[in-house]
Amino acid sequence: MIRVIIENILLFLLPTLFYVGYVFLTRDPAAKKDLLSGAPLIWLFAAGTLLVVIVLVAFGSTSGGRPGQHYDPPSMKDGRIEPGRIQ
């Protein structure tokens, strides 16, 4: 569960990390002390939120089976691991 939370936090912060990287690479060395001064924080917040929502909707709508199906977990058969599947 903690992995899912960390992934969502990183997705949320991704636009800000790109912005900080861009500012770090394009500003002169004397002005690199405060990378977030003048940053469009509202737009970065909105972009991060939109990114998280898009990813959650995409994964929520493409994974899993239909109602009534059941999941067979991976199992060992004849010395081989058979992958899990939804039936």
C-alpha atoms as a PDB file:
ATOM      1  CA  MET A   1       0.000   0.000   0.000  1.00  0.00           C
ATOM      2  CA  ILE A   2       2.846   2.378   0.781  1.00  0.00           C
ATOM      3  CA  ARG A   3       4.170   1.847  -2.773  1.00  0.00           C
ATOM      4  CA  VAL A   4       0.898   3.092  -4.255  1.00  0.00           C
ATOM      5  CA  ILE A   5       0.981   6.190  -2.036  1.00  0.00           C
ATOM      6  CA  ILE A   6       4.607   6.948  -2.945  1.00  0.00           C
ATOM      7  CA  GLU A   7       3.877   6.494  -6.668  1.00  0.00           C
ATOM      8  CA  ASN A   8       0.941   8.911  -6.496  1.00  0.00           C
ATOM      9  CA  ILE A   9       2.982  11.487  -4.583  1.00  0.00           C
ATOM     10  CA  LEU A  10       5.775  11.244  -7.159  1.00  0.00           C
ATOM     11  CA  LEU A  11       3.265  11.605 -10.002  1.00  0.00           C
ATOM     12  CA  PHE A  12       1.834  14.671  -8.278  1.00  0.00           C
ATOM     13  CA  LEU A  13       5.301  16.218  -7.874  1.00  0.00           C
ATOM     14  CA  LEU A  14       6.496  15.348 -11.392  1.00  0.00           C
ATOM     15  CA  PRO A  15       5.500  18.668 -13.054  1.00  0.00           C
ATOM     16  CA  THR A  16       7.227  20.591 -10.258  1.00  0.00           C
ATOM     17  CA  LEU A  17      10.371  18.470 -10.609  1.00  0.00           C
ATOM     18  CA  PHE A  18      10.434  19.143 -14.352  1.00  0.00           C
ATOM     19  CA  TYR A  19       9.969  22.864 -13.712  1.00  0.00           C
ATOM     20  CA  VAL A  20      12.780  22.971 -11.128  1.00  0.00           C
ATOM     21  CA  GLY A  21      15.072  21.040 -13.489  1.00  0.00           C
ATOM     22  CA  TYR A  22      14.282  23.408 -16.361  1.00  0.00           C
ATOM     23  CA  VAL A  23      14.879  26.495 -14.217  1.00  0.00           C
ATOM     24  CA  PHE A  24      18.091  25.008 -12.832  1.00  0.00           C
ATOM     25  CA  LEU A  25      19.437  24.389 -16.323  1.00  0.00           C
ATOM     26  CA  THR A  26      18.385  27.718 -17.844  1.00  0.00           C
ATOM     27  CA  ARG A  27      19.188  30.269 -15.123  1.00  0.00           C
ATOM     28  CA  ASP A  28      22.602  31.773 -14.614  1.00  0.00           C
ATOM     29  CA  PRO A  29      24.611  30.409 -11.658  1.00  0.00           C
ATOM     30  CA  ALA A  30      24.056  33.488  -9.491  1.00  0.00           C
ATOM     31  CA  ALA A  31      20.246  33.168  -9.654  1.00  0.00           C
ATOM     32  CA  LYS A  32      20.038  29.438  -8.820  1.00  0.00           C
ATOM     33  CA  LYS A  33      19.707  30.004  -5.071  1.00  0.00           C
ATOM     34  CA  ASP A  34      15.917  30.188  -5.081  1.00  0.00           C
ATOM     35  CA  LEU A  35      14.555  27.915  -7.801  1.00  0.00           C
ATOM     36  CA  LEU A  36      10.877  28.235  -6.876  1.00  0.00           C
ATOM     37  CA  SER A  37      10.683  32.022  -6.671  1.00  0.00           C
ATOM     38  CA  GLY A  38       8.207  33.159  -9.257  1.00  0.00           C
ATOM     39  CA  ALA A  39       7.113  29.596  -9.968  1.00  0.00           C
ATOM     40  CA  PRO A  40       3.552  29.115 -11.222  1.00  0.00           C
ATOM     41  CA  LEU A  41       2.646  26.988  -8.204  1.00  0.00           C
ATOM     42  CA  ILE A  42      -1.097  26.953  -8.924  1.00  0.00           C
ATOM     43  CA  TRP A  43      -0.487  25.637 -12.444  1.00  0.00           C
ATOM     44  CA  LEU A  44       2.037  23.088 -11.193  1.00  0.00           C
ATOM     45  CA  PHE A  45      -0.479  21.932  -8.556  1.00  0.00           C
ATOM     46  CA  ALA A  46      -3.196  21.651 -11.221  1.00  0.00           C
ATOM     47  CA  ALA A  47      -0.909  19.771 -13.623  1.00  0.00           C
ATOM     48  CA  GLY A  48       0.139  17.334 -10.885  1.00  0.00           C
ATOM     49  CA  THR A  49      -3.461  16.747  -9.848  1.00  0.00           C
ATOM     50  CA  LEU A  50      -4.538  16.208 -13.452  1.00  0.00           C
ATOM     51  CA  LEU A  51      -1.671  13.762 -14.024  1.00  0.00           C
ATOM     52  CA  VAL A  52      -2.617  11.705 -10.952  1.00  0.00           C
ATOM     53  CA  VAL A  53      -6.307  11.651 -11.924  1.00  0.00           C
ATOM     54  CA  ILE A  54      -5.533  10.587 -15.519  1.00  0.00           C
ATOM     55  CA  VAL A  55      -3.254   7.766 -14.365  1.00  0.00           C
ATOM     56  CA  LEU A  56      -5.738   6.532 -11.742  1.00  0.00           C
ATOM     57  CA  VAL A  57      -8.623   6.548 -14.222  1.00  0.00           C
ATOM     58  CA  ALA A  58      -6.524   4.810 -16.891  1.00  0.00           C
ATOM     59  CA  PHE A  59      -5.382   2.033 -14.570  1.00  0.00           C
ATOM     60  CA  GLY A  60      -8.769   1.729 -12.900  1.00  0.00           C
ATOM     61  CA  SER A  61     -10.568   1.248 -16.184  1.00  0.00           C
ATOM     62  CA  THR A  62      -8.082  -1.105 -17.867  1.00  0.00           C
ATOM     63  CA  SER A  63      -7.167  -3.569 -15.140  1.00  0.00           C
ATOM     64  CA  GLY A  64      -9.238  -6.252 -13.518  1.00  0.00           C
ATOM     65  CA  GLY A  65     -11.943  -8.536 -14.757  1.00  0.00           C
ATOM     66  CA  ARG A  66     -15.657  -8.344 -15.239  1.00  0.00           C
ATOM     67  CA  PRO A  67     -18.079  -9.025 -12.404  1.00  0.00           C
ATOM     68  CA  GLY A  68     -18.413 -12.743 -11.760  1.00  0.00           C
ATOM     69  CA  GLN A  69     -14.905 -13.616 -12.916  1.00  0.00           C
ATOM     70  CA  HIS A  70     -12.380 -14.953 -10.452  1.00  0.00           C
ATOM     71  CA  TYR A  71      -8.628 -14.592 -10.216  1.00  0.00           C
ATOM     72  CA  ASP A  72      -6.396 -17.670 -10.244  1.00  0.00           C
ATOM     73  CA  PRO A  73      -3.075 -16.706  -8.619  1.00  0.00           C
ATOM     74  CA  PRO A  74       0.270 -17.917  -9.974  1.00  0.00           C
ATOM     75  CA  SER A  75       0.896 -21.580  -9.175  1.00  0.00           C
ATOM     76  CA  MET A  76       3.649 -24.166  -9.526  1.00  0.00           C
ATOM     77  CA  LYS A  77       2.889 -26.910 -12.084  1.00  0.00           C
ATOM     78  CA  ASP A  78       5.453 -29.466 -13.250  1.00  0.00           C
ATOM     79  CA  GLY A  79       8.312 -27.388 -11.841  1.00  0.00           C
ATOM     80  CA  ARG A  80       7.230 -24.261 -13.721  1.00  0.00           C
ATOM     81  CA  ILE A  81       5.430 -21.192 -12.465  1.00  0.00           C
ATOM     82  CA  GLU A  82       2.131 -20.712 -14.278  1.00  0.00           C
ATOM     83  CA  PRO A  83       1.174 -17.023 -14.370  1.00  0.00           C
ATOM     84  CA  GLY A  84      -1.966 -15.796 -12.683  1.00  0.00           C
ATOM     85  CA  ARG A  85      -5.032 -15.145 -14.791  1.00  0.00           C
ATOM     86  CA  ILE A  86      -8.600 -13.959 -14.604  1.00  0.00           C
ATOM     87  CA  GLN A  87     -11.233 -16.525 -15.585  1.00  0.00           C
END
